[in-house]
Amino acid sequence: MASSSTVSGGVRRGTRTSRGVSRVRRQLPSSPWLFAAPGLLITGAFILYPFVSTVVNSFTDRRTLIPGTFVGLANFRELLHDDMFWIGLRNSALYVVGVVPALVLLPLLLALLVQKNIPGITFFRSAFYTPVVASIVVVGLIWVWLLDERGLVNSLLETVGIGRVGFLSDQWLLLVSAMAVTVWKGLGYYMIIYLAALANVPRELHEAASVDGAGAVRRFLTVTVPAVRSTMVLVGALSSVAAFKVFSEVYLMAGPDGGPAGEDTTLVMLVQRTGTGLTGRVGYASALSVVVFVVTVALMLLVLRADRKEDA
């Protein structure tokens, strides 16, 4: 009797287990979507919907308090005759040309400098990375105080007999000063990326090059650069997009008007200036945003295409 009850109990437990497994199997197809639902909702609400809304608004004459009507390509045709658009496009393009080469090369040299495990090197790694975690507003204000007409830099220049320089009043010096802030703040971030890439470079390659009589510069060009070339492409793509969409540095140093006569305005600053306020031209600002998006995608495709040609 005991054995028969044990067998029947085992059968019942086995039946319950099989039913539970079948129930779980029936639920599995929908379970991944339940886990992904929060992320999908956030992405849809804060990325996809604003993107689609911007594209739709670019074909309307919508304003801040007025829904607007469909105007077709009128906003894009107006761009071609807007002097401020060409000024913003020029400054954004110059920003890419001035910032990207520095952010591709200087962090690599900095990573080589702090790569070695010597006493105290952790302090220098932390010091170089500190600007990355600092608020861009704080960083911008500090540099404004340094480069102001009565700032520390001009005081030192006047002390040595050079005289005061209009870092924040001259059109081109202001743009170059903003570029310097961008490079200074981004060095530590890209340095970390290069440190991860350099850790995967075999030491045997450097040792073999040293045996062949290669110096430090030759080892850098023939061993280090080829080994981290894919990382350099990644840094070039990331820094190109960030440089073309620059806003905070120029806004803080040039002011909301974009410097003298607005000559230092970038495209993103023009979007902010045009589309905000009670009378903001949301439709025209959306057209500007679409242009910024297209250009940034084109920049990334150019970098990737150049990398593929190099591989070929």
Foldseek 3Di string as FASTA:
>chain_A
DVVVVVVVVVVVVVVVVVVVVVVVVVCVVCVVCVVCVVVVVCCCVPPVVVLVVLVVLLQFQDADPRRTDGNGCVLVVVLVVDPLNVLQQVLLVVLLVLQLVLLLPVLLVVLVVLLDDDPPSVVVLCVQQVLQPDDLLVLLVVLLQQLPQPHDVQVVCVVVPNHRDPCLADQVSVSVSLSVSVSSSCSSVLNVLSSVQVVPQDVVLVVVCVVVPDDPVRCCVPRVCVSCVVSSLVSSLVSSLCSSLDDSNQCSRQPLCCHDNNSNHHLNSVLVVQRDDNGHRSNSSSNSVVVSVVVSVVSNVVSVVVVVVVVD
